[in-house]
Amino acid sequence: MSMLDVDLGILDLFEVIEFNKSPITDIKKFSKHCDIGLIEGGCCNTDNIEILRAFRENCDILVSVGECAIWGGLPANRNTIPLEECLKEAYLNSMTSEDNETCIPNHEDIPKILNKVYPNHEVVKIDYHIPGCPPNANHIWSVVKNILFNEEFSIAYPEFKYD
């Protein structure tokens, strides 16, 4: 969604790139190999792992976008607590749990929750990282543009420092 904050600059993007699997096109599966893939979010379940591996297989360059993708972000806070305790708190002991609730959802159609949240680079090779929560749209645009045109680039540290 941050990429949409490029505003009218996104029209420039449409002149040089083609979106494949994306929320903009609502395409769920890759229809062909891509030059650059942008992936957000960490891996907390088996579905996330499968999607990330598909991205790596279908993209020449893979970019982790945002703190969750790079470090696990806020969801990784659960890594300090055993998974069973997290599930009990979420489904049995939360403020919204029904009285005497005894069931933690477990069905073959529900992706299996992993014991911890993994940043993307712990699952597949990541070529670039764009930090931020959310990442600045101009940084995303700069990285994509410079990769596309094979230009050197850097973003000064103060631009990523959030006070």
N, C-alpha and C. Protein backbone atom coordinates (compact mmCIF):
# COMPACT_ATOMS: atom_id res chain seq x y z
N MET A 1 0.82 -1.19 0.00
CA MET A 1 0.00 0.00 0.00
C MET A 1 0.86 1.26 0.00
N SER A 2 2.04 1.18 0.64
CA SER A 2 2.93 2.34 0.65
C SER A 2 3.30 2.77 -0.76
N MET A 3 3.43 1.81 -1.64
CA MET A 3 3.82 2.14 -3.00
C MET A 3 2.79 3.05 -3.67
N LEU A 4 1.54 2.94 -3.28
CA LEU A 4 0.51 3.81 -3.84
C LEU A 4 0.72 5.26 -3.44
N ASP A 5 1.47 5.49 -2.35
CA ASP A 5 1.76 6.85 -1.91
C ASP A 5 2.74 7.56 -2.84
N VAL A 6 3.25 6.88 -3.84
CA VAL A 6 4.08 7.52 -4.85
C VAL A 6 3.20 8.51 -5.63
N ASP A 7 1.90 8.38 -5.48
CA ASP A 7 0.92 9.23 -6.13
C ASP A 7 1.03 9.15 -7.65
N LEU A 8 1.16 10.29 -8.31
CA LEU A 8 1.18 10.29 -9.77
C LEU A 8 2.43 9.63 -10.33
N GLY A 9 3.46 9.49 -9.51
CA GLY A 9 4.67 8.79 -9.93
C GLY A 9 4.39 7.36 -10.34
N ILE A 10 3.30 6.79 -9.82
CA ILE A 10 2.96 5.41 -10.18
C ILE A 10 2.61 5.33 -11.67
N LEU A 11 2.13 6.42 -12.24
CA LEU A 11 1.86 6.43 -13.68
C LEU A 11 3.15 6.28 -14.47
N ASP A 12 4.24 6.87 -13.95
CA ASP A 12 5.56 6.69 -14.58
C ASP A 12 5.97 5.22 -14.53
N LEU A 13 5.64 4.58 -13.40
CA LEU A 13 5.96 3.17 -13.24
C LEU A 13 5.28 2.34 -14.31
N PHE A 14 4.03 2.62 -14.59
CA PHE A 14 3.27 1.85 -15.57
C PHE A 14 3.89 1.91 -16.96
N GLU A 15 4.68 2.97 -17.21
CA GLU A 15 5.33 3.10 -18.52
C GLU A 15 6.54 2.17 -18.65
N VAL A 16 7.15 1.79 -17.51
CA VAL A 16 8.38 0.99 -17.60
C VAL A 16 8.26 -0.40 -16.98
N ILE A 17 7.18 -0.65 -16.25
CA ILE A 17 7.03 -1.97 -15.64
C ILE A 17 5.65 -2.54 -15.91
N GLU A 18 5.55 -3.84 -15.69
CA GLU A 18 4.29 -4.55 -15.80
C GLU A 18 4.07 -5.27 -14.48
N PHE A 19 2.92 -5.05 -13.87
CA PHE A 19 2.61 -5.74 -12.62
C PHE A 19 2.14 -7.15 -12.94
N ASN A 20 2.64 -8.12 -12.19
CA ASN A 20 2.21 -9.50 -12.36
C ASN A 20 1.36 -9.84 -11.16
N LYS A 21 1.87 -10.59 -10.23
CA LYS A 21 1.15 -10.97 -9.01
C LYS A 21 1.18 -9.79 -8.05
N SER A 22 0.04 -9.15 -7.83
CA SER A 22 0.04 -7.98 -6.94
C SER A 22 -1.36 -7.67 -6.46
N PRO A 23 -1.44 -6.90 -5.36
CA PRO A 23 -2.76 -6.44 -4.91
C PRO A 23 -3.39 -5.47 -5.91
N ILE A 24 -2.55 -4.79 -6.71
CA ILE A 24 -3.07 -3.85 -7.70
C ILE A 24 -3.84 -4.60 -8.78
N THR A 25 -3.32 -5.75 -9.20
CA THR A 25 -3.96 -6.53 -10.25
C THR A 25 -4.86 -7.62 -9.68
N ASP A 26 -4.71 -7.93 -8.40
CA ASP A 26 -5.43 -9.00 -7.71
C ASP A 26 -5.13 -10.38 -8.31
N ILE A 27 -3.98 -10.50 -8.98
CA ILE A 27 -3.55 -11.80 -9.51
C ILE A 27 -2.91 -12.57 -8.36
N LYS A 28 -3.37 -13.77 -8.12
CA LYS A 28 -2.91 -14.55 -6.96
C LYS A 28 -1.69 -15.42 -7.25
N LYS A 29 -1.52 -15.84 -8.50
CA LYS A 29 -0.41 -16.73 -8.88
C LYS A 29 0.45 -16.03 -9.93
N PHE A 30 1.72 -16.38 -9.97
CA PHE A 30 2.60 -15.84 -10.99
C PHE A 30 2.18 -16.38 -12.36
N SER A 31 2.12 -15.49 -13.34
CA SER A 31 1.80 -15.92 -14.69
C SER A 31 3.06 -16.02 -15.55
N LYS A 32 4.15 -15.40 -15.06
CA LYS A 32 5.45 -15.50 -15.74
C LYS A 32 6.54 -15.04 -14.79
N HIS A 33 7.79 -15.26 -15.21
CA HIS A 33 8.94 -14.88 -14.40
C HIS A 33 9.04 -13.35 -14.34
N CYS A 34 9.49 -12.81 -13.20
CA CYS A 34 9.57 -11.36 -13.01
C CYS A 34 11.01 -10.92 -12.78
N ASP A 35 11.30 -9.70 -13.17
CA ASP A 35 12.63 -9.14 -12.92
C ASP A 35 12.79 -8.80 -11.44
N ILE A 36 11.80 -8.11 -10.87
CA ILE A 36 11.88 -7.66 -9.47
C ILE A 36 10.61 -8.05 -8.74
N GLY A 37 10.79 -8.60 -7.54
CA GLY A 37 9.66 -8.90 -6.67
C GLY A 37 9.79 -8.13 -5.38
N LEU A 38 8.70 -7.55 -4.92
CA LEU A 38 8.66 -6.86 -3.64
C LEU A 38 7.79 -7.69 -2.71
N ILE A 39 8.35 -8.05 -1.57
CA ILE A 39 7.60 -8.90 -0.63
C ILE A 39 7.53 -8.19 0.72
N GLU A 40 6.35 -8.20 1.31
CA GLU A 40 6.18 -7.59 2.62
C GLU A 40 5.75 -8.64 3.62
N GLY A 41 5.94 -8.36 4.88
CA GLY A 41 5.52 -9.28 5.93
C GLY A 41 6.53 -10.39 6.17
N GLY A 42 6.56 -10.87 7.39
CA GLY A 42 7.43 -11.99 7.75
C GLY A 42 6.68 -13.30 7.55
N CYS A 43 7.28 -14.37 8.02
CA CYS A 43 6.70 -15.71 7.86
C CYS A 43 6.28 -16.24 9.21
N CYS A 44 4.98 -16.38 9.42
CA CYS A 44 4.50 -16.91 10.69
C CYS A 44 3.69 -18.19 10.52
N ASN A 45 3.41 -18.57 9.26
CA ASN A 45 2.70 -19.82 9.04
C ASN A 45 3.18 -20.48 7.74
N THR A 46 2.72 -21.70 7.50
CA THR A 46 3.19 -22.47 6.34
C THR A 46 2.81 -21.81 5.02
N ASP A 47 1.69 -21.11 4.97
CA ASP A 47 1.29 -20.38 3.76
C ASP A 47 2.31 -19.30 3.41
N ASN A 48 2.75 -18.56 4.44
CA ASN A 48 3.74 -17.50 4.22
C ASN A 48 5.03 -18.06 3.63
N ILE A 49 5.47 -19.20 4.12
CA ILE A 49 6.70 -19.84 3.63
C ILE A 49 6.52 -20.23 2.15
N GLU A 50 5.39 -20.82 1.84
CA GLU A 50 5.11 -21.25 0.47
C GLU A 50 5.09 -20.06 -0.50
N ILE A 51 4.44 -18.99 -0.10
CA ILE A 51 4.36 -17.79 -0.94
C ILE A 51 5.74 -17.17 -1.13
N LEU A 52 6.52 -17.08 -0.05
CA LEU A 52 7.85 -16.50 -0.14
C LEU A 52 8.75 -17.33 -1.05
N ARG A 53 8.70 -18.62 -0.94
CA ARG A 53 9.51 -19.48 -1.82
C ARG A 53 9.09 -19.35 -3.28
N ALA A 54 7.79 -19.19 -3.52
CA ALA A 54 7.31 -18.99 -4.90
C ALA A 54 7.83 -17.66 -5.44
N PHE A 55 7.85 -16.62 -4.60
CA PHE A 55 8.41 -15.34 -5.02
C PHE A 55 9.88 -15.50 -5.41
N ARG A 56 10.64 -16.19 -4.56
CA ARG A 56 12.07 -16.35 -4.84
C ARG A 56 12.27 -17.11 -6.16
N GLU A 57 11.49 -18.12 -6.41
CA GLU A 57 11.62 -18.90 -7.65
C GLU A 57 11.24 -18.11 -8.89
N ASN A 58 10.34 -17.14 -8.74
CA ASN A 58 9.79 -16.44 -9.89
C ASN A 58 10.34 -15.03 -10.09
N CYS A 59 11.31 -14.62 -9.27
CA CYS A 59 11.85 -13.26 -9.38
C CYS A 59 13.37 -13.30 -9.46
N ASP A 60 13.93 -12.53 -10.39
CA ASP A 60 15.39 -12.42 -10.47
C ASP A 60 15.95 -11.71 -9.25
N ILE A 61 15.29 -10.64 -8.85
CA ILE A 61 15.69 -9.84 -7.69
C ILE A 61 14.51 -9.82 -6.73
N LEU A 62 14.79 -10.10 -5.46
CA LEU A 62 13.73 -10.10 -4.45
C LEU A 62 14.07 -9.08 -3.37
N VAL A 63 13.10 -8.21 -3.08
CA VAL A 63 13.28 -7.11 -2.14
C VAL A 63 12.32 -7.27 -0.96
N SER A 64 12.85 -7.30 0.26
CA SER A 64 12.01 -7.29 1.47
C SER A 64 11.63 -5.86 1.76
N VAL A 65 10.33 -5.61 1.91
CA VAL A 65 9.83 -4.26 2.11
C VAL A 65 9.18 -4.15 3.49
N GLY A 66 9.76 -3.32 4.35
CA GLY A 66 9.19 -3.07 5.67
C GLY A 66 9.83 -3.89 6.77
N GLU A 67 9.63 -3.43 7.99
CA GLU A 67 10.26 -4.04 9.17
C GLU A 67 9.81 -5.48 9.40
N CYS A 68 8.55 -5.78 9.12
CA CYS A 68 8.07 -7.16 9.33
C CYS A 68 8.81 -8.12 8.41
N ALA A 69 9.04 -7.70 7.16
CA ALA A 69 9.75 -8.55 6.19
C ALA A 69 11.23 -8.68 6.55
N ILE A 70 11.80 -7.60 7.07
CA ILE A 70 13.25 -7.58 7.34
C ILE A 70 13.60 -8.22 8.68
N TRP A 71 12.84 -7.92 9.72
CA TRP A 71 13.20 -8.39 11.07
C TRP A 71 12.10 -9.22 11.74
N GLY A 72 10.94 -9.29 11.16
CA GLY A 72 9.81 -9.97 11.80
C GLY A 72 8.83 -8.98 12.39
N GLY A 73 9.28 -7.74 12.60
CA GLY A 73 8.43 -6.67 13.09
C GLY A 73 7.71 -6.99 14.39
N LEU A 74 6.62 -6.30 14.63
CA LEU A 74 5.85 -6.52 15.86
C LEU A 74 5.36 -7.95 16.03
N PRO A 75 4.96 -8.64 14.94
CA PRO A 75 4.53 -10.03 15.12
C PRO A 75 5.60 -10.92 15.75
N ALA A 76 6.89 -10.56 15.57
CA ALA A 76 7.97 -11.37 16.14
C ALA A 76 8.06 -11.23 17.65
N ASN A 77 7.30 -10.33 18.24
CA ASN A 77 7.26 -10.25 19.71
C ASN A 77 6.82 -11.56 20.33
N ARG A 78 6.05 -12.33 19.59
CA ARG A 78 5.59 -13.63 20.12
C ARG A 78 6.72 -14.66 20.19
N ASN A 79 7.87 -14.38 19.57
CA ASN A 79 8.98 -15.32 19.58
C ASN A 79 9.55 -15.55 20.98
N THR A 80 9.23 -14.68 21.92
CA THR A 80 9.74 -14.83 23.29
C THR A 80 8.81 -15.68 24.16
N ILE A 81 7.68 -16.08 23.60
CA ILE A 81 6.68 -16.85 24.35
C ILE A 81 6.42 -18.15 23.60
N PRO A 82 6.34 -19.27 24.31
CA PRO A 82 6.03 -20.54 23.61
C PRO A 82 4.72 -20.44 22.83
N LEU A 83 4.69 -21.04 21.65
CA LEU A 83 3.52 -20.98 20.77
C LEU A 83 2.24 -21.42 21.47
N GLU A 84 2.31 -22.50 22.25
CA GLU A 84 1.11 -22.99 22.94
C GLU A 84 0.51 -21.93 23.85
N GLU A 85 1.37 -21.19 24.55
CA GLU A 85 0.88 -20.11 25.43
C GLU A 85 0.21 -19.01 24.60
N CYS A 86 0.79 -18.67 23.46
CA CYS A 86 0.21 -17.64 22.59
C CYS A 86 -1.18 -18.06 22.12
N LEU A 87 -1.29 -19.32 21.68
CA LEU A 87 -2.58 -19.81 21.19
C LEU A 87 -3.63 -19.84 22.30
N LYS A 88 -3.24 -20.27 23.49
CA LYS A 88 -4.19 -20.28 24.61
C LYS A 88 -4.66 -18.87 24.94
N GLU A 89 -3.74 -17.92 24.94
CA GLU A 89 -4.10 -16.54 25.24
C GLU A 89 -5.04 -15.98 24.17
N ALA A 90 -4.75 -16.28 22.91
CA ALA A 90 -5.55 -15.74 21.81
C ALA A 90 -6.94 -16.36 21.72
N TYR A 91 -7.03 -17.68 21.94
CA TYR A 91 -8.30 -18.36 21.69
C TYR A 91 -9.07 -18.77 22.93
N LEU A 92 -8.39 -18.95 24.05
CA LEU A 92 -9.09 -19.44 25.25
C LEU A 92 -9.22 -18.40 26.34
N ASN A 93 -8.22 -17.53 26.49
CA ASN A 93 -8.19 -16.63 27.64
C ASN A 93 -8.30 -15.16 27.30
N SER A 94 -8.62 -14.81 26.06
CA SER A 94 -8.68 -13.40 25.68
C SER A 94 -9.99 -12.78 26.16
N MET A 95 -10.03 -11.46 26.09
CA MET A 95 -11.24 -10.75 26.50
C MET A 95 -12.44 -11.11 25.63
N THR A 96 -12.19 -11.54 24.41
CA THR A 96 -13.30 -11.85 23.50
C THR A 96 -13.62 -13.34 23.43
N SER A 97 -12.89 -14.16 24.20
CA SER A 97 -13.19 -15.60 24.21
C SER A 97 -14.52 -15.86 24.89
N GLU A 98 -15.23 -16.85 24.39
CA GLU A 98 -16.48 -17.26 25.01
C GLU A 98 -16.15 -17.93 26.36
N ASP A 99 -17.05 -17.81 27.32
CA ASP A 99 -16.86 -18.49 28.60
C ASP A 99 -16.75 -19.99 28.36
N ASN A 100 -15.83 -20.62 29.05
CA ASN A 100 -15.59 -22.07 28.97
C ASN A 100 -15.15 -22.53 27.58
N GLU A 101 -14.55 -21.65 26.80
CA GLU A 101 -14.03 -22.03 25.49
C GLU A 101 -12.89 -23.01 25.69
N THR A 102 -12.89 -24.10 24.93
CA THR A 102 -11.85 -25.12 25.08
C THR A 102 -11.18 -25.48 23.75
N CYS A 103 -11.56 -24.81 22.67
CA CYS A 103 -11.08 -25.22 21.35
C CYS A 103 -10.14 -24.16 20.75
N ILE A 104 -8.95 -24.60 20.38
CA ILE A 104 -8.03 -23.80 19.59
C ILE A 104 -8.19 -24.30 18.16
N PRO A 105 -8.54 -23.40 17.22
CA PRO A 105 -8.79 -23.85 15.83
C PRO A 105 -7.63 -24.67 15.28
N ASN A 106 -7.97 -25.78 14.67
CA ASN A 106 -6.98 -26.66 14.06
C ASN A 106 -7.69 -27.43 12.96
N HIS A 107 -7.46 -27.02 11.72
CA HIS A 107 -8.12 -27.65 10.60
C HIS A 107 -7.16 -27.68 9.42
N GLU A 108 -7.29 -28.66 8.56
CA GLU A 108 -6.38 -28.81 7.42
C GLU A 108 -6.42 -27.61 6.48
N ASP A 109 -7.50 -26.84 6.46
CA ASP A 109 -7.61 -25.66 5.60
C ASP A 109 -6.94 -24.43 6.20
N ILE A 110 -6.59 -24.48 7.48
CA ILE A 110 -5.93 -23.36 8.15
C ILE A 110 -4.42 -23.60 8.11
N PRO A 111 -3.64 -22.63 7.58
CA PRO A 111 -2.19 -22.82 7.54
C PRO A 111 -1.63 -23.09 8.94
N LYS A 112 -0.66 -23.99 9.02
CA LYS A 112 -0.04 -24.33 10.31
C LYS A 112 0.80 -23.16 10.79
N ILE A 113 0.58 -22.75 12.03
CA ILE A 113 1.36 -21.66 12.62
C ILE A 113 2.73 -22.20 12.98
N LEU A 114 3.76 -21.43 12.63
CA LEU A 114 5.13 -21.81 12.93
C LEU A 114 5.47 -21.49 14.39
N ASN A 115 6.50 -22.13 14.93
CA ASN A 115 6.89 -21.91 16.31
C ASN A 115 7.40 -20.50 16.56
N LYS A 116 7.85 -19.81 15.50
CA LYS A 116 8.28 -18.43 15.64
C LYS A 116 7.99 -17.69 14.33
N VAL A 117 8.11 -16.37 14.38
CA VAL A 117 7.97 -15.55 13.18
C VAL A 117 9.38 -15.38 12.60
N TYR A 118 9.52 -15.68 11.31
CA TYR A 118 10.82 -15.61 10.65
C TYR A 118 10.88 -14.40 9.73
N PRO A 119 11.98 -13.64 9.76
CA PRO A 119 12.17 -12.62 8.73
C PRO A 119 12.47 -13.33 7.41
N ASN A 120 12.18 -12.70 6.32
CA ASN A 120 12.29 -13.35 5.01
C ASN A 120 13.68 -13.87 4.69
N HIS A 121 14.72 -13.15 5.10
CA HIS A 121 16.07 -13.58 4.75
C HIS A 121 16.49 -14.87 5.46
N GLU A 122 15.74 -15.29 6.46
CA GLU A 122 16.02 -16.58 7.12
C GLU A 122 15.37 -17.74 6.38
N VAL A 123 14.54 -17.43 5.39
CA VAL A 123 13.84 -18.47 4.63
C VAL A 123 14.39 -18.58 3.21
N VAL A 124 14.63 -17.45 2.55
CA VAL A 124 15.16 -17.42 1.19
C VAL A 124 16.19 -16.31 1.07
N LYS A 125 16.92 -16.32 -0.03
CA LYS A 125 17.89 -15.24 -0.31
C LYS A 125 17.12 -13.97 -0.67
N ILE A 126 17.45 -12.89 0.01
CA ILE A 126 16.86 -11.58 -0.27
C ILE A 126 17.97 -10.69 -0.81
N ASP A 127 17.69 -9.97 -1.89
CA ASP A 127 18.71 -9.16 -2.55
C ASP A 127 18.82 -7.75 -1.98
N TYR A 128 17.69 -7.16 -1.61
CA TYR A 128 17.67 -5.80 -1.07
C TYR A 128 16.63 -5.72 0.05
N HIS A 129 16.82 -4.73 0.93
CA HIS A 129 15.88 -4.48 2.02
C HIS A 129 15.49 -3.00 1.99
N ILE A 130 14.21 -2.73 2.16
CA ILE A 130 13.73 -1.36 2.27
C ILE A 130 13.07 -1.24 3.65
N PRO A 131 13.76 -0.59 4.60
CA PRO A 131 13.22 -0.50 5.96
C PRO A 131 12.09 0.51 6.07
N GLY A 132 11.44 0.48 7.21
CA GLY A 132 10.37 1.42 7.52
C GLY A 132 9.12 0.68 7.94
N CYS A 133 8.31 1.35 8.73
CA CYS A 133 7.06 0.78 9.18
C CYS A 133 6.01 1.89 9.23
N PRO A 134 5.35 2.11 8.11
CA PRO A 134 5.58 1.50 6.80
C PRO A 134 6.75 2.17 6.10
N PRO A 135 7.29 1.54 5.06
CA PRO A 135 8.37 2.16 4.31
C PRO A 135 7.88 3.42 3.60
N ASN A 136 8.77 4.36 3.46
CA ASN A 136 8.46 5.60 2.76
C ASN A 136 8.28 5.29 1.27
N ALA A 137 7.21 5.79 0.69
CA ALA A 137 6.92 5.54 -0.72
C ALA A 137 8.05 6.00 -1.63
N ASN A 138 8.66 7.13 -1.29
CA ASN A 138 9.76 7.63 -2.13
C ASN A 138 10.97 6.71 -2.08
N HIS A 139 11.21 6.07 -0.94
CA HIS A 139 12.31 5.11 -0.85
C HIS A 139 12.02 3.88 -1.71
N ILE A 140 10.80 3.41 -1.66
CA ILE A 140 10.42 2.25 -2.49
C ILE A 140 10.62 2.61 -3.96
N TRP A 141 10.12 3.75 -4.36
CA TRP A 141 10.24 4.18 -5.74
C TRP A 141 11.71 4.32 -6.14
N SER A 142 12.54 4.93 -5.27
CA SER A 142 13.97 5.10 -5.57
C SER A 142 14.65 3.76 -5.76
N VAL A 143 14.39 2.83 -4.87
CA VAL A 143 15.02 1.51 -4.97
C VAL A 143 14.60 0.81 -6.26
N VAL A 144 13.30 0.76 -6.53
CA VAL A 144 12.81 0.08 -7.73
C VAL A 144 13.38 0.74 -8.98
N LYS A 145 13.33 2.06 -9.04
CA LYS A 145 13.82 2.79 -10.21
C LYS A 145 15.31 2.54 -10.43
N ASN A 146 16.09 2.58 -9.35
CA ASN A 146 17.53 2.39 -9.49
C ASN A 146 17.89 0.95 -9.84
N ILE A 147 17.13 -0.01 -9.37
CA ILE A 147 17.36 -1.40 -9.76
C ILE A 147 17.02 -1.56 -11.25
N LEU A 148 15.88 -1.02 -11.65
CA LEU A 148 15.45 -1.14 -13.05
C LEU A 148 16.48 -0.57 -14.02
N PHE A 149 17.06 0.57 -13.65
CA PHE A 149 17.99 1.25 -14.55
C PHE A 149 19.45 0.97 -14.21
N ASN A 150 19.66 -0.03 -13.31
CA ASN A 150 21.00 -0.46 -12.94
C ASN A 150 21.89 0.70 -12.50
N GLU A 151 21.34 1.57 -11.66
CA GLU A 151 22.06 2.73 -11.16
C GLU A 151 22.44 2.51 -9.71
N GLU A 152 23.58 3.06 -9.32
CA GLU A 152 23.99 3.01 -7.91
C GLU A 152 23.09 3.96 -7.12
N PHE A 153 22.81 3.59 -5.90
CA PHE A 153 22.00 4.48 -5.07
C PHE A 153 22.28 4.21 -3.61
N SER A 154 21.98 5.18 -2.80
CA SER A 154 22.00 5.00 -1.36
C SER A 154 21.03 6.01 -0.77
N ILE A 155 20.51 5.66 0.36
CA ILE A 155 19.60 6.55 1.06
C ILE A 155 20.25 6.87 2.39
N ALA A 156 20.40 8.13 2.68
CA ALA A 156 21.11 8.57 3.88
C ALA A 156 20.43 8.08 5.14
N TYR A 157 21.23 7.68 6.12
CA TYR A 157 20.71 7.17 7.39
C TYR A 157 19.66 8.07 8.03
N PRO A 158 19.89 9.40 8.07
CA PRO A 158 18.87 10.26 8.72
C PRO A 158 17.47 10.12 8.12
N GLU A 159 17.39 9.71 6.86
CA GLU A 159 16.08 9.53 6.24
C GLU A 159 15.33 8.32 6.82
N PHE A 160 16.08 7.41 7.45
CA PHE A 160 15.47 6.22 8.06
C PHE A 160 15.35 6.33 9.56
N LYS A 161 15.85 7.40 10.11
CA LYS A 161 15.82 7.58 11.56
C LYS A 161 14.46 8.18 11.93
N TYR A 162 13.73 7.47 12.75
CA TYR A 162 12.39 7.93 13.13
C TYR A 162 12.40 8.34 14.58
N ASP A 163 12.28 9.64 14.83
CA ASP A 163 12.24 10.16 16.21
C ASP A 163 10.83 10.40 16.64
